[in-house]
C-alpha atoms as a PDB file:
ATOM      1  CA  MET A   1     -21.410-105.119  39.816  1.00  0.00           C
ATOM      2  CA  THR A   2     -18.554-102.424  39.775  1.00  0.00           C
ATOM      3  CA  ALA A   3     -15.112-103.645  38.581  1.00  0.00           C
ATOM      4  CA  GLU A   4     -13.814-102.902  42.227  1.00  0.00           C
ATOM      5  CA  LEU A   5     -15.719-105.718  43.365  1.00  0.00           C
ATOM      6  CA  LEU A   6     -14.520-108.418  40.936  1.00  0.00           C
ATOM      7  CA  ASP A   7     -11.790-110.760  40.809  1.00  0.00           C
ATOM      8  CA  LEU A   8      -9.634-108.780  38.226  1.00  0.00           C
ATOM      9  CA  THR A   9      -6.997-111.760  37.751  1.00  0.00           C
ATOM     10  CA  PRO A  10      -6.627-111.591  34.078  1.00  0.00           C
ATOM     11  CA  TYR A  11      -7.009-115.221  31.991  1.00  0.00           C
ATOM     12  CA  GLY A  12      -3.537-116.805  31.617  1.00  0.00           C
ATOM     13  CA  GLY A  13      -1.481-119.965  30.519  1.00  0.00           C
ATOM     14  CA  VAL A  14      -1.591-119.121  26.827  1.00  0.00           C
ATOM     15  CA  GLU A  15       1.378-118.170  24.775  1.00  0.00           C
ATOM     16  CA  ALA A  16       0.896-115.917  21.653  1.00  0.00           C
ATOM     17  CA  ASP A  17       2.988-118.202  19.501  1.00  0.00           C
ATOM     18  CA  SER A  18       2.133-119.368  15.905  1.00  0.00           C
ATOM     19  CA  ALA A  19      -0.083-122.282  17.141  1.00  0.00           C
ATOM     20  CA  TRP A  20      -2.332-119.448  18.897  1.00  0.00           C
ATOM     21  CA  ARG A  21      -2.161-117.129  15.972  1.00  0.00           C
ATOM     22  CA  ASP A  22      -3.222-119.966  13.635  1.00  0.00           C
ATOM     23  CA  GLU A  23      -6.019-121.022  16.020  1.00  0.00           C
ATOM     24  CA  VAL A  24      -7.345-117.544  16.377  1.00  0.00           C
ATOM     25  CA  ARG A  25      -7.559-116.657  12.663  1.00  0.00           C
ATOM     26  CA  ARG A  26      -9.285-120.159  12.290  1.00  0.00           C
ATOM     27  CA  LEU A  27     -11.940-119.426  14.803  1.00  0.00           C
ATOM     28  CA  VAL A  28     -12.616-115.799  13.695  1.00  0.00           C
ATOM     29  CA  ARG A  29     -13.269-117.239  10.226  1.00  0.00           C
ATOM     30  CA  GLU A  30     -15.411-119.950  11.543  1.00  0.00           C
ATOM     31  CA  ARG A  31     -17.608-117.528  13.456  1.00  0.00           C
ATOM     32  CA  ASP A  32     -17.767-114.829  10.591  1.00  0.00           C
ATOM     33  CA  ALA A  33     -16.387-112.684  12.652  1.00  0.00           C
ATOM     34  CA  VAL A  34     -14.251-109.102  12.443  1.00  0.00           C
ATOM     35  CA  LEU A  35     -11.491-108.825  15.383  1.00  0.00           C
ATOM     36  CA  LEU A  36     -11.162-105.191  16.513  1.00  0.00           C
ATOM     37  CA  ALA A  37      -8.426-104.156  18.833  1.00  0.00           C
ATOM     38  CA  HIS A  38      -8.078-100.846  20.480  1.00  0.00           C
ATOM     39  CA  ASN A  39      -4.580 -98.893  20.440  1.00  0.00           C
ATOM     40  CA  TYR A  40      -4.154 -99.714  24.148  1.00  0.00           C
ATOM     41  CA  GLN A  41      -4.284-103.440  23.946  1.00  0.00           C
ATOM     42  CA  LEU A  42      -1.271-105.653  24.528  1.00  0.00           C
ATOM     43  CA  PRO A  43       1.197-105.807  21.078  1.00  0.00           C
ATOM     44  CA  GLU A  44       0.378-109.565  20.365  1.00  0.00           C
ATOM     45  CA  ILE A  45      -3.568-108.509  20.380  1.00  0.00           C
ATOM     46  CA  GLN A  46      -3.096-105.445  18.109  1.00  0.00           C
ATOM     47  CA  ASP A  47      -0.946-107.490  15.727  1.00  0.00           C
ATOM     48  CA  ILE A  48      -3.598-110.180  15.345  1.00  0.00           C
ATOM     49  CA  ALA A  49      -6.461-107.750  14.707  1.00  0.00           C
ATOM     50  CA  ASP A  50      -8.091-107.415  11.521  1.00  0.00           C
ATOM     51  CA  HIS A  51      -8.238-103.466  12.535  1.00  0.00           C
ATOM     52  CA  THR A  52      -6.608-101.519  15.134  1.00  0.00           C
ATOM     53  CA  GLY A  53      -7.705 -98.057  16.262  1.00  0.00           C
ATOM     54  CA  ASP A  54      -9.747 -95.850  18.701  1.00  0.00           C
ATOM     55  CA  SER A  55     -13.053 -96.979  20.376  1.00  0.00           C
ATOM     56  CA  LEU A  56     -15.403 -94.991  17.914  1.00  0.00           C
ATOM     57  CA  ALA A  57     -13.178 -95.652  14.757  1.00  0.00           C
ATOM     58  CA  LEU A  58     -13.444 -99.176  15.561  1.00  0.00           C
ATOM     59  CA  SER A  59     -17.242 -99.191  16.242  1.00  0.00           C
ATOM     60  CA  ARG A  60     -17.886 -97.378  12.937  1.00  0.00           C
ATOM     61  CA  ILE A  61     -15.824-100.236  11.164  1.00  0.00           C
ATOM     62  CA  ALA A  62     -17.842-102.854  12.933  1.00  0.00           C
ATOM     63  CA  ALA A  63     -21.060-101.251  11.646  1.00  0.00           C
ATOM     64  CA  GLN A  64     -19.733-101.138   8.171  1.00  0.00           C
ATOM     65  CA  SER A  65     -18.171-104.711   8.317  1.00  0.00           C
ATOM     66  CA  GLN A  66     -20.478-107.748   6.373  1.00  0.00           C
ATOM     67  CA  ALA A  67     -19.246-109.783   9.647  1.00  0.00           C
ATOM     68  CA  SER A  68     -22.189-111.033  11.565  1.00  0.00           C
ATOM     69  CA  THR A  69     -19.794-111.046  14.814  1.00  0.00           C
ATOM     70  CA  ILE A  70     -18.051-108.382  16.230  1.00  0.00           C
ATOM     71  CA  VAL A  71     -15.039-109.347  18.648  1.00  0.00           C
ATOM     72  CA  PHE A  72     -14.080-106.074  20.468  1.00  0.00           C
ATOM     73  CA  CYS A  73     -10.554-106.289  21.994  1.00  0.00           C
ATOM     74  CA  GLY A  74     -10.872-103.303  24.470  1.00  0.00           C
ATOM     75  CA  VAL A  75     -12.929-102.129  27.505  1.00  0.00           C
ATOM     76  CA  HIS A  76     -16.865-102.996  28.129  1.00  0.00           C
ATOM     77  CA  PHE A  77     -17.937 -99.394  26.931  1.00  0.00           C
ATOM     78  CA  MET A  78     -16.374 -99.659  23.747  1.00  0.00           C
ATOM     79  CA  ALA A  79     -17.955-103.009  22.964  1.00  0.00           C
ATOM     80  CA  GLU A  80     -21.319-101.389  24.272  1.00  0.00           C
ATOM     81  CA  THR A  81     -20.885 -98.646  21.678  1.00  0.00           C
ATOM     82  CA  ALA A  82     -20.156-101.157  18.881  1.00  0.00           C
ATOM     83  CA  LYS A  83     -23.434-102.889  19.696  1.00  0.00           C
ATOM     84  CA  ILE A  84     -25.310 -99.499  19.779  1.00  0.00           C
ATOM     85  CA  LEU A  85     -24.206 -98.915  16.263  1.00  0.00           C
ATOM     86  CA  SER A  86     -24.461-102.372  15.311  1.00  0.00           C
ATOM     87  CA  PRO A  87     -27.824-103.837  17.206  1.00  0.00           C
ATOM     88  CA  ASP A  88     -28.382-106.756  14.692  1.00  0.00           C
ATOM     89  CA  LYS A  89     -24.784-108.061  15.047  1.00  0.00           C
ATOM     90  CA  THR A  90     -23.222-110.316  17.867  1.00  0.00           C
ATOM     91  CA  VAL A  91     -20.770-108.457  19.918  1.00  0.00           C
ATOM     92  CA  LEU A  92     -18.166-110.267  21.997  1.00  0.00           C
ATOM     93  CA  ILE A  93     -15.662-108.983  24.408  1.00  0.00           C
ATOM     94  CA  PRO A  94     -13.020-111.466  25.470  1.00  0.00           C
ATOM     95  CA  ASP A  95     -13.251-110.492  29.087  1.00  0.00           C
ATOM     96  CA  GLU A  96     -16.480-108.794  30.227  1.00  0.00           C
ATOM     97  CA  ARG A  97     -14.577-107.704  33.551  1.00  0.00           C
ATOM     98  CA  ALA A  98     -12.556-105.180  31.466  1.00  0.00           C
ATOM     99  CA  GLY A  99     -14.186-101.946  32.646  1.00  0.00           C
ATOM    100  CA  CYS A 100     -12.987 -98.415  32.713  1.00  0.00           C
ATOM    101  CA  SER A 101     -12.350 -95.737  35.812  1.00  0.00           C
ATOM    102  CA  LEU A 102     -13.505 -92.902  33.449  1.00  0.00           C
ATOM    103  CA  ALA A 103     -16.830 -94.465  32.233  1.00  0.00           C
ATOM    104  CA  ASP A 104     -17.341 -95.801  35.883  1.00  0.00           C
ATOM    105  CA  SER A 105     -16.977 -92.111  37.243  1.00  0.00           C
ATOM    106  CA  ILE A 106     -20.435 -91.139  36.267  1.00  0.00           C
ATOM    107  CA  THR A 107     -23.729 -93.236  36.456  1.00  0.00           C
ATOM    108  CA  ALA A 108     -27.174 -92.531  34.794  1.00  0.00           C
ATOM    109  CA  ASP A 109     -28.688 -91.609  37.972  1.00  0.00           C
ATOM    110  CA  GLU A 110     -25.824 -89.141  38.786  1.00  0.00           C
ATOM    111  CA  LEU A 111     -26.385 -87.651  35.566  1.00  0.00           C
ATOM    112  CA  ARG A 112     -30.192 -87.449  35.790  1.00  0.00           C
ATOM    113  CA  ALA A 113     -29.961 -85.576  39.228  1.00  0.00           C
ATOM    114  CA  TRP A 114     -27.286 -83.155  37.721  1.00  0.00           C
ATOM    115  CA  LYS A 115     -29.654 -82.540  34.652  1.00  0.00           C
ATOM    116  CA  ALA A 116     -32.548 -81.597  37.247  1.00  0.00           C
ATOM    117  CA  GLU A 117     -29.923 -79.098  38.817  1.00  0.00           C
ATOM    118  CA  HIS A 118     -29.487 -77.431  35.395  1.00  0.00           C
ATOM    119  CA  PRO A 119     -33.106 -77.439  33.799  1.00  0.00           C
ATOM    120  CA  GLY A 120     -32.490 -76.754  29.767  1.00  0.00           C
ATOM    121  CA  ALA A 121     -28.699 -77.627  29.974  1.00  0.00           C
ATOM    122  CA  VAL A 122     -27.238 -79.519  26.708  1.00  0.00           C
ATOM    123  CA  VAL A 123     -25.631 -82.638  27.869  1.00  0.00           C
ATOM    124  CA  VAL A 124     -22.537 -83.504  26.249  1.00  0.00           C
ATOM    125  CA  SER A 125     -21.009 -86.738  26.987  1.00  0.00           C
ATOM    126  CA  TYR A 126     -17.555 -88.019  25.771  1.00  0.00           C
ATOM    127  CA  VAL A 127     -17.722 -91.470  23.938  1.00  0.00           C
ATOM    128  CA  ASN A 128     -15.908 -92.963  27.101  1.00  0.00           C
ATOM    129  CA  THR A 129     -19.264 -93.547  28.902  1.00  0.00           C
ATOM    130  CA  THR A 130     -21.673 -96.419  29.385  1.00  0.00           C
ATOM    131  CA  ALA A 131     -24.859 -96.777  27.343  1.00  0.00           C
ATOM    132  CA  GLU A 132     -27.032 -95.662  30.138  1.00  0.00           C
ATOM    133  CA  VAL A 133     -25.307 -92.335  30.272  1.00  0.00           C
ATOM    134  CA  LYS A 134     -25.161 -91.941  26.395  1.00  0.00           C
ATOM    135  CA  ALA A 135     -29.007 -92.531  26.616  1.00  0.00           C
ATOM    136  CA  GLU A 136     -29.395 -89.548  28.903  1.00  0.00           C
ATOM    137  CA  THR A 137     -27.097 -87.407  26.632  1.00  0.00           C
ATOM    138  CA  ASP A 138     -27.914 -84.743  24.064  1.00  0.00           C
ATOM    139  CA  ILE A 139     -24.644 -85.055  21.991  1.00  0.00           C
ATOM    140  CA  CYS A 140     -21.784 -87.194  22.511  1.00  0.00           C
ATOM    141  CA  CYS A 141     -18.302 -86.183  21.406  1.00  0.00           C
ATOM    142  CA  THR A 142     -14.797 -87.144  21.050  1.00  0.00           C
ATOM    143  CA  SER A 143     -11.410 -85.892  22.058  1.00  0.00           C
ATOM    144  CA  SER A 144     -10.877 -84.790  18.729  1.00  0.00           C
ATOM    145  CA  ASN A 145     -14.357 -83.234  18.040  1.00  0.00           C
ATOM    146  CA  ALA A 146     -15.455 -81.952  21.521  1.00  0.00           C
ATOM    147  CA  VAL A 147     -14.621 -78.240  20.900  1.00  0.00           C
ATOM    148  CA  ASP A 148     -16.533 -78.208  17.719  1.00  0.00           C
ATOM    149  CA  VAL A 149     -19.661 -79.971  19.530  1.00  0.00           C
ATOM    150  CA  VAL A 150     -19.508 -77.490  22.350  1.00  0.00           C
ATOM    151  CA  ALA A 151     -19.375 -74.597  19.951  1.00  0.00           C
ATOM    152  CA  SER A 152     -22.298 -75.825  17.931  1.00  0.00           C
ATOM    153  CA  ILE A 153     -24.538 -75.044  20.896  1.00  0.00           C
ATOM    154  CA  PRO A 154     -25.965 -71.626  21.207  1.00  0.00           C
ATOM    155  CA  ALA A 155     -23.983 -69.401  23.381  1.00  0.00           C
ATOM    156  CA  ASP A 156     -26.906 -68.734  25.840  1.00  0.00           C
ATOM    157  CA  ARG A 157     -27.511 -72.363  26.450  1.00  0.00           C
ATOM    158  CA  GLU A 158     -25.995 -73.968  29.781  1.00  0.00           C
ATOM    159  CA  VAL A 159     -23.760 -77.102  28.973  1.00  0.00           C
ATOM    160  CA  LEU A 160     -23.113 -80.164  31.096  1.00  0.00           C
ATOM    161  CA  PHE A 161     -19.874 -81.807  30.038  1.00  0.00           C
ATOM    162  CA  LEU A 162     -18.857 -85.161  31.182  1.00  0.00           C
ATOM    163  CA  PRO A 163     -17.372 -87.308  32.726  1.00  0.00           C
ATOM    164  CA  ASP A 164     -13.611 -86.144  31.849  1.00  0.00           C
ATOM    165  CA  GLN A 165     -12.715 -83.117  33.873  1.00  0.00           C
ATOM    166  CA  PHE A 166      -9.361 -82.697  31.970  1.00  0.00           C
ATOM    167  CA  LEU A 167     -10.881 -82.843  28.446  1.00  0.00           C
ATOM    168  CA  GLY A 168     -13.692 -80.663  29.822  1.00  0.00           C
ATOM    169  CA  ALA A 169     -10.901 -78.056  30.800  1.00  0.00           C
ATOM    170  CA  HIS A 170      -9.281 -78.107  27.607  1.00  0.00           C
ATOM    171  CA  VAL A 171     -12.569 -77.253  25.929  1.00  0.00           C
ATOM    172  CA  LYS A 172     -13.235 -74.631  28.338  1.00  0.00           C
ATOM    173  CA  ARG A 173     -10.093 -73.107  27.804  1.00  0.00           C
ATOM    174  CA  VAL A 174     -10.528 -73.127  23.872  1.00  0.00           C
ATOM    175  CA  THR A 175     -14.057 -71.845  23.682  1.00  0.00           C
ATOM    176  CA  GLY A 176     -13.746 -69.549  26.676  1.00  0.00           C
ATOM    177  CA  ARG A 177     -17.231 -70.750  27.363  1.00  0.00           C
ATOM    178  CA  GLU A 178     -18.294 -69.817  30.988  1.00  0.00           C
ATOM    179  CA  ASN A 179     -21.688 -71.536  31.106  1.00  0.00           C
ATOM    180  CA  LEU A 180     -19.865 -74.985  30.831  1.00  0.00           C
ATOM    181  CA  HIS A 181     -20.210 -77.025  33.745  1.00  0.00           C
ATOM    182  CA  ILE A 182     -17.711 -80.041  33.858  1.00  0.00           C
ATOM    183  CA  TRP A 183     -18.085 -83.355  35.913  1.00  0.00           C
ATOM    184  CA  ALA A 184     -15.233 -84.024  38.209  1.00  0.00           C
ATOM    185  CA  GLY A 185     -14.522 -87.583  36.518  1.00  0.00           C
ATOM    186  CA  GLU A 186     -11.152 -88.908  35.339  1.00  0.00           C
ATOM    187  CA  CYS A 187      -9.093 -91.935  33.571  1.00  0.00           C
ATOM    188  CA  HIS A 188      -6.926 -93.092  36.645  1.00  0.00           C
ATOM    189  CA  VAL A 189      -4.080 -93.694  34.004  1.00  0.00           C
ATOM    190  CA  HIS A 190      -4.386 -90.432  32.122  1.00  0.00           C
ATOM    191  CA  ALA A 191      -4.791 -88.400  35.581  1.00  0.00           C
ATOM    192  CA  GLY A 192      -1.337 -90.072  36.842  1.00  0.00           C
ATOM    193  CA  ILE A 193       0.414 -88.366  33.896  1.00  0.00           C
ATOM    194  CA  ASN A 194       1.277 -85.309  35.680  1.00  0.00           C
ATOM    195  CA  GLY A 195       2.493 -81.870  34.904  1.00  0.00           C
ATOM    196  CA  PRO A 196       5.916 -82.017  36.609  1.00  0.00           C
ATOM    197  CA  GLU A 197       6.714 -85.219  34.991  1.00  0.00           C
ATOM    198  CA  LEU A 198       6.122 -83.856  31.712  1.00  0.00           C
ATOM    199  CA  ALA A 199       8.304 -80.665  32.477  1.00  0.00           C
ATOM    200  CA  GLU A 200      11.009 -82.994  33.719  1.00  0.00           C
ATOM    201  CA  ARG A 201      10.963 -85.194  30.485  1.00  0.00           C
ATOM    202  CA  ALA A 202      10.770 -82.154  28.054  1.00  0.00           C
ATOM    203  CA  ALA A 203      13.809 -80.429  29.874  1.00  0.00           C
ATOM    204  CA  ALA A 204      15.761 -83.483  29.364  1.00  0.00           C
ATOM    205  CA  ASN A 205      14.765 -83.886  25.523  1.00  0.00           C
ATOM    206  CA  PRO A 206      14.357 -80.103  24.352  1.00  0.00           C
ATOM    207  CA  GLU A 207      14.301 -81.138  20.586  1.00  0.00           C
ATOM    208  CA  ALA A 208      11.339 -83.802  21.190  1.00  0.00           C
ATOM    209  CA  ASP A 209       7.884 -83.236  20.050  1.00  0.00           C
ATOM    210  CA  LEU A 210       5.072 -83.867  22.660  1.00  0.00           C
ATOM    211  CA  TYR A 211       2.232 -85.798  21.854  1.00  0.00           C
ATOM    212  CA  ILE A 212      -0.572 -85.259  24.763  1.00  0.00           C
ATOM    213  CA  HIS A 213      -3.642 -86.988  25.045  1.00  0.00           C
ATOM    214  CA  PRO A 214      -6.334 -84.131  26.587  1.00  0.00           C
ATOM    215  CA  GLU A 215      -7.620 -86.737  29.050  1.00  0.00           C
ATOM    216  CA  CYS A 216      -4.161 -86.378  30.892  1.00  0.00           C
ATOM    217  CA  GLY A 217      -3.475 -84.454  33.802  1.00  0.00           C
ATOM    218  CA  CYS A 218      -0.541 -82.964  32.343  1.00  0.00           C
ATOM    219  CA  ALA A 219      -2.605 -81.201  29.412  1.00  0.00           C
ATOM    220  CA  THR A 220      -2.606 -77.948  30.897  1.00  0.00           C
ATOM    221  CA  SER A 221       1.182 -78.109  31.783  1.00  0.00           C
ATOM    222  CA  ALA A 222       2.035 -78.555  28.012  1.00  0.00           C
ATOM    223  CA  LEU A 223       0.043 -75.725  27.214  1.00  0.00           C
ATOM    224  CA  TYR A 224       1.812 -73.752  30.037  1.00  0.00           C
ATOM    225  CA  LEU A 225       5.459 -74.862  28.861  1.00  0.00           C
ATOM    226  CA  ALA A 226       4.246 -73.831  25.079  1.00  0.00           C
ATOM    227  CA  GLY A 227       2.739 -70.434  26.148  1.00  0.00           C
ATOM    228  CA  GLU A 228       5.826 -69.445  28.232  1.00  0.00           C
ATOM    229  CA  GLY A 229       8.294 -70.417  25.413  1.00  0.00           C
ATOM    230  CA  ILE A 230       9.876 -73.098  27.579  1.00  0.00           C
ATOM    231  CA  VAL A 231       9.038 -75.554  24.742  1.00  0.00           C
ATOM    232  CA  PRO A 232       8.410 -74.359  21.007  1.00  0.00           C
ATOM    233  CA  ALA A 233       4.677 -74.368  20.529  1.00  0.00           C
ATOM    234  CA  GLU A 234       4.990 -75.941  17.297  1.00  0.00           C
ATOM    235  CA  GLN A 235       6.429 -78.873  19.436  1.00  0.00           C
ATOM    236  CA  VAL A 236       3.374 -79.413  21.509  1.00  0.00           C
ATOM    237  CA  LYS A 237       0.573 -81.222  19.878  1.00  0.00           C
ATOM    238  CA  ILE A 238      -2.882 -82.238  21.965  1.00  0.00           C
ATOM    239  CA  LEU A 239      -4.080 -84.984  20.073  1.00  0.00           C
ATOM    240  CA  SER A 240      -6.515 -87.876  20.342  1.00  0.00           C
ATOM    241  CA  THR A 241      -5.273 -91.485  19.833  1.00  0.00           C
ATOM    242  CA  GLY A 242      -6.137 -91.876  16.379  1.00  0.00           C
ATOM    243  CA  ASP A 243      -4.880 -88.487  15.471  1.00  0.00           C
ATOM    244  CA  MET A 244      -1.542 -89.397  17.076  1.00  0.00           C
ATOM    245  CA  VAL A 245      -1.236 -92.110  14.541  1.00  0.00           C
ATOM    246  CA  GLY A 246      -1.846 -89.380  11.748  1.00  0.00           C
ATOM    247  CA  GLN A 247       0.729 -87.292  13.038  1.00  0.00           C
ATOM    248  CA  ALA A 248       3.424 -89.659  13.525  1.00  0.00           C
ATOM    249  CA  LYS A 249       3.262 -90.983   9.709  1.00  0.00           C
ATOM    250  CA  ALA A 250       3.961 -87.316   8.837  1.00  0.00           C
ATOM    251  CA  SER A 251       6.570 -86.430  11.637  1.00  0.00           C
ATOM    252  CA  GLN A 252      10.007 -84.921  11.014  1.00  0.00           C
ATOM    253  CA  ALA A 253      10.936 -85.176  14.667  1.00  0.00           C
ATOM    254  CA  LYS A 254      13.742 -87.568  15.874  1.00  0.00           C
ATOM    255  CA  THR A 255      12.082 -88.168  19.312  1.00  0.00           C
ATOM    256  CA  VAL A 256       8.660 -87.724  20.481  1.00  0.00           C
ATOM    257  CA  LEU A 257       7.465 -87.710  23.910  1.00  0.00           C
ATOM    258  CA  VAL A 258       4.021 -89.417  24.445  1.00  0.00           C
ATOM    259  CA  ALA A 259       1.494 -88.783  27.262  1.00  0.00           C
ATOM    260  CA  THR A 260      -1.161 -91.609  27.105  1.00  0.00           C
ATOM    261  CA  GLU A 261      -1.676 -95.028  27.800  1.00  0.00           C
ATOM    262  CA  ILE A 262       1.782 -97.141  26.857  1.00  0.00           C
ATOM    263  CA  GLY A 263       0.026 -99.412  24.475  1.00  0.00           C
ATOM    264  CA  MET A 264      -0.249 -96.436  21.918  1.00  0.00           C
ATOM    265  CA  LEU A 265       3.489 -96.693  21.548  1.00  0.00           C
ATOM    266  CA  HIS A 266       3.077 -99.975  19.664  1.00  0.00           C
ATOM    267  CA  GLN A 267       1.060 -98.218  17.042  1.00  0.00           C
ATOM    268  CA  LEU A 268       2.855 -95.214  16.734  1.00  0.00           C
ATOM    269  CA  ARG A 269       6.418 -97.240  16.284  1.00  0.00           C
ATOM    270  CA  LYS A 270       4.796 -99.297  13.504  1.00  0.00           C
ATOM    271  CA  ALA A 271       3.641 -96.026  11.827  1.00  0.00           C
ATOM    272  CA  ALA A 272       6.899 -94.019  11.912  1.00  0.00           C
ATOM    273  CA  PRO A 273       9.870 -96.647  12.591  1.00  0.00           C
ATOM    274  CA  GLY A 274      12.466 -93.892  12.398  1.00  0.00           C
ATOM    275  CA  VAL A 275      11.050 -91.853  15.229  1.00  0.00           C
ATOM    276  CA  ASP A 276      12.137 -92.622  18.806  1.00  0.00           C
ATOM    277  CA  PHE A 277       8.668 -92.591  20.559  1.00  0.00           C
ATOM    278  CA  GLN A 278       9.208 -92.582  24.581  1.00  0.00           C
ATOM    279  CA  ALA A 279       6.395 -92.573  27.265  1.00  0.00           C
ATOM    280  CA  VAL A 280       6.230 -89.678  29.427  1.00  0.00           C
ATOM    281  CA  ASN A 281       5.159 -92.179  32.257  1.00  0.00           C
ATOM    282  CA  ASP A 282       6.224 -95.763  31.527  1.00  0.00           C
ATOM    283  CA  ARG A 283       3.892 -96.955  34.232  1.00  0.00           C
ATOM    284  CA  ALA A 284       0.955 -95.600  32.587  1.00  0.00           C
ATOM    285  CA  SER A 285      -0.701 -99.017  31.739  1.00  0.00           C
ATOM    286  CA  CYS A 286      -4.359 -99.754  32.194  1.00  0.00           C
ATOM    287  CA  ARG A 287      -5.133-102.984  33.865  1.00  0.00           C
ATOM    288  CA  TYR A 288      -8.444-103.262  32.183  1.00  0.00           C
ATOM    289  CA  MET A 289      -7.052-102.902  28.395  1.00  0.00           C
ATOM    290  CA  LYS A 290      -4.420-105.500  29.560  1.00  0.00           C
ATOM    291  CA  MET A 291      -7.307-107.971  30.617  1.00  0.00           C
ATOM    292  CA  ILE A 292      -7.715-108.989  27.005  1.00  0.00           C
ATOM    293  CA  THR A 293      -4.653-111.586  27.169  1.00  0.00           C
ATOM    294  CA  PRO A 294      -4.125-114.142  24.519  1.00  0.00           C
ATOM    295  CA  ALA A 295      -5.875-116.767  26.684  1.00  0.00           C
ATOM    296  CA  ALA A 296      -8.898-114.440  27.154  1.00  0.00           C
ATOM    297  CA  LEU A 297      -9.140-113.858  23.311  1.00  0.00           C
ATOM    298  CA  LEU A 298      -8.932-117.714  22.587  1.00  0.00           C
ATOM    299  CA  ARG A 299     -11.635-118.398  25.481  1.00  0.00           C
ATOM    300  CA  GLY A 300     -13.910-115.730  23.572  1.00  0.00           C
ATOM    301  CA  LEU A 301     -13.929-117.311  20.504  1.00  0.00           C
ATOM    302  CA  ARG A 302     -13.936-120.892  21.576  1.00  0.00           C
ATOM    303  CA  GLU A 303     -16.793-120.112  23.961  1.00  0.00           C
ATOM    304  CA  ASN A 304     -18.571-117.432  22.443  1.00  0.00           C
ATOM    305  CA  ALA A 305     -18.011-115.387  25.128  1.00  0.00           C
ATOM    306  CA  ASP A 306     -18.507-112.847  26.536  1.00  0.00           C
ATOM    307  CA  GLU A 307     -21.481-111.287  24.676  1.00  0.00           C
ATOM    308  CA  VAL A 308     -22.583-107.845  24.959  1.00  0.00           C
ATOM    309  CA  HIS A 309     -26.261-106.791  25.418  1.00  0.00           C
ATOM    310  CA  VAL A 310     -27.795-103.383  25.271  1.00  0.00           C
ATOM    311  CA  ASP A 311     -31.331-102.959  25.921  1.00  0.00           C
ATOM    312  CA  PRO A 312     -32.996-101.876  23.064  1.00  0.00           C
ATOM    313  CA  GLU A 313     -34.793 -98.610  24.099  1.00  0.00           C
ATOM    314  CA  ILE A 314     -31.641 -97.538  25.889  1.00  0.00           C
ATOM    315  CA  ALA A 315     -29.690 -98.456  22.558  1.00  0.00           C
ATOM    316  CA  ALA A 316     -31.960 -96.289  20.670  1.00  0.00           C
ATOM    317  CA  ARG A 317     -31.576 -93.232  22.898  1.00  0.00           C
ATOM    318  CA  ALA A 318     -28.000 -93.498  23.095  1.00  0.00           C
ATOM    319  CA  ARG A 319     -27.502 -94.140  19.169  1.00  0.00           C
ATOM    320  CA  GLY A 320     -29.469 -90.851  18.568  1.00  0.00           C
ATOM    321  CA  ALA A 321     -26.757 -88.944  20.941  1.00  0.00           C
ATOM    322  CA  VAL A 322     -23.935 -90.512  18.798  1.00  0.00           C
ATOM    323  CA  GLN A 323     -25.585 -89.806  15.402  1.00  0.00           C
ATOM    324  CA  ARG A 324     -26.129 -86.075  16.399  1.00  0.00           C
ATOM    325  CA  MET A 325     -22.570 -85.791  17.224  1.00  0.00           C
ATOM    326  CA  ILE A 326     -21.748 -87.245  13.621  1.00  0.00           C
ATOM    327  CA  GLU A 327     -24.019 -84.836  12.050  1.00  0.00           C
ATOM    328  CA  ILE A 328     -22.140 -82.077  13.551  1.00  0.00           C
ATOM    329  CA  GLY A 329     -18.960 -82.898  12.181  1.00  0.00           C
ATOM    330  CA  GLN A 330     -16.344 -85.537  11.390  1.00  0.00           C
ATOM    331  CA  PRO A 331     -15.798 -87.193  14.640  1.00  0.00           C
ATOM    332  CA  GLY A 332     -11.900 -87.417  13.543  1.00  0.00           C
ATOM    333  CA  GLY A 333      -9.605 -89.657  15.781  1.00  0.00           C
ATOM    334  CA  GLY A 334     -11.805 -90.596  18.270  1.00  0.00           C
ATOM    335  CA  GLU A 335     -11.051 -91.021  21.987  1.00  0.00           C
END
């Protein structure tokens, strides 16, 4: 059942106070768990986690952890990826209804039909996809290594890139590859951060650096602003969420305009408290990410819910696509 058909009212009624924090940490220890939180989570969820980061980085941390249980505070495909990389561990997501509009923009059946139209093409899937789609994929990629992954494919081979049209356009622009076919999917939050909005904010803050996630609808506009000299090229940075944190730590800017989901601001402000980080669009909040509330986390730990399962055969095929990505080069900052 898709997220659109579910009641998406978040679990509520619990305050993130000291008693909550003590109980969460007690239950984490009791369950021999590692608590992971994506960069887009609520600040109180990020602050109580053992590790914060992007989905792939967190899945790799989970695989390396000695803990027997992974509690993944993020959206469902992220918890699936952790299970793919850690098949023998228990993986919990505090609210299994937390889906993803980007991952939902292509199904395995749709991908199989697309592959049938392009026999012999190499399928490159962004990590923001379901396990079933990864299982139909030749090589996965992240936003920080998508260009390298596509460049590693022989020039005479067709490439099917999915599901994000904005990341695909970025890869096609950088590689100049004409035989790259792009699926018309998008993250509804990132797609809503548009070019005119970015141009207006940049004009009002001419000294500000721009941190632009390549899933954003404004990524092309950012490069246009740089190309036309409207914004100095060195101030425009196309970055994955993980790479944004590294860039922030080294930043000399006084102000940075950030084009991604607003949960990212919390980590950036912690990484560089002297920099004024501002959202390009302060309404860019993912309702699915924000379903992992203090109440949902407490429920998940108390009830051992919601456990994530991936069919072993699908997981094995999907794991191959992820491993081939890692063999090509360092995946970097993930999504």
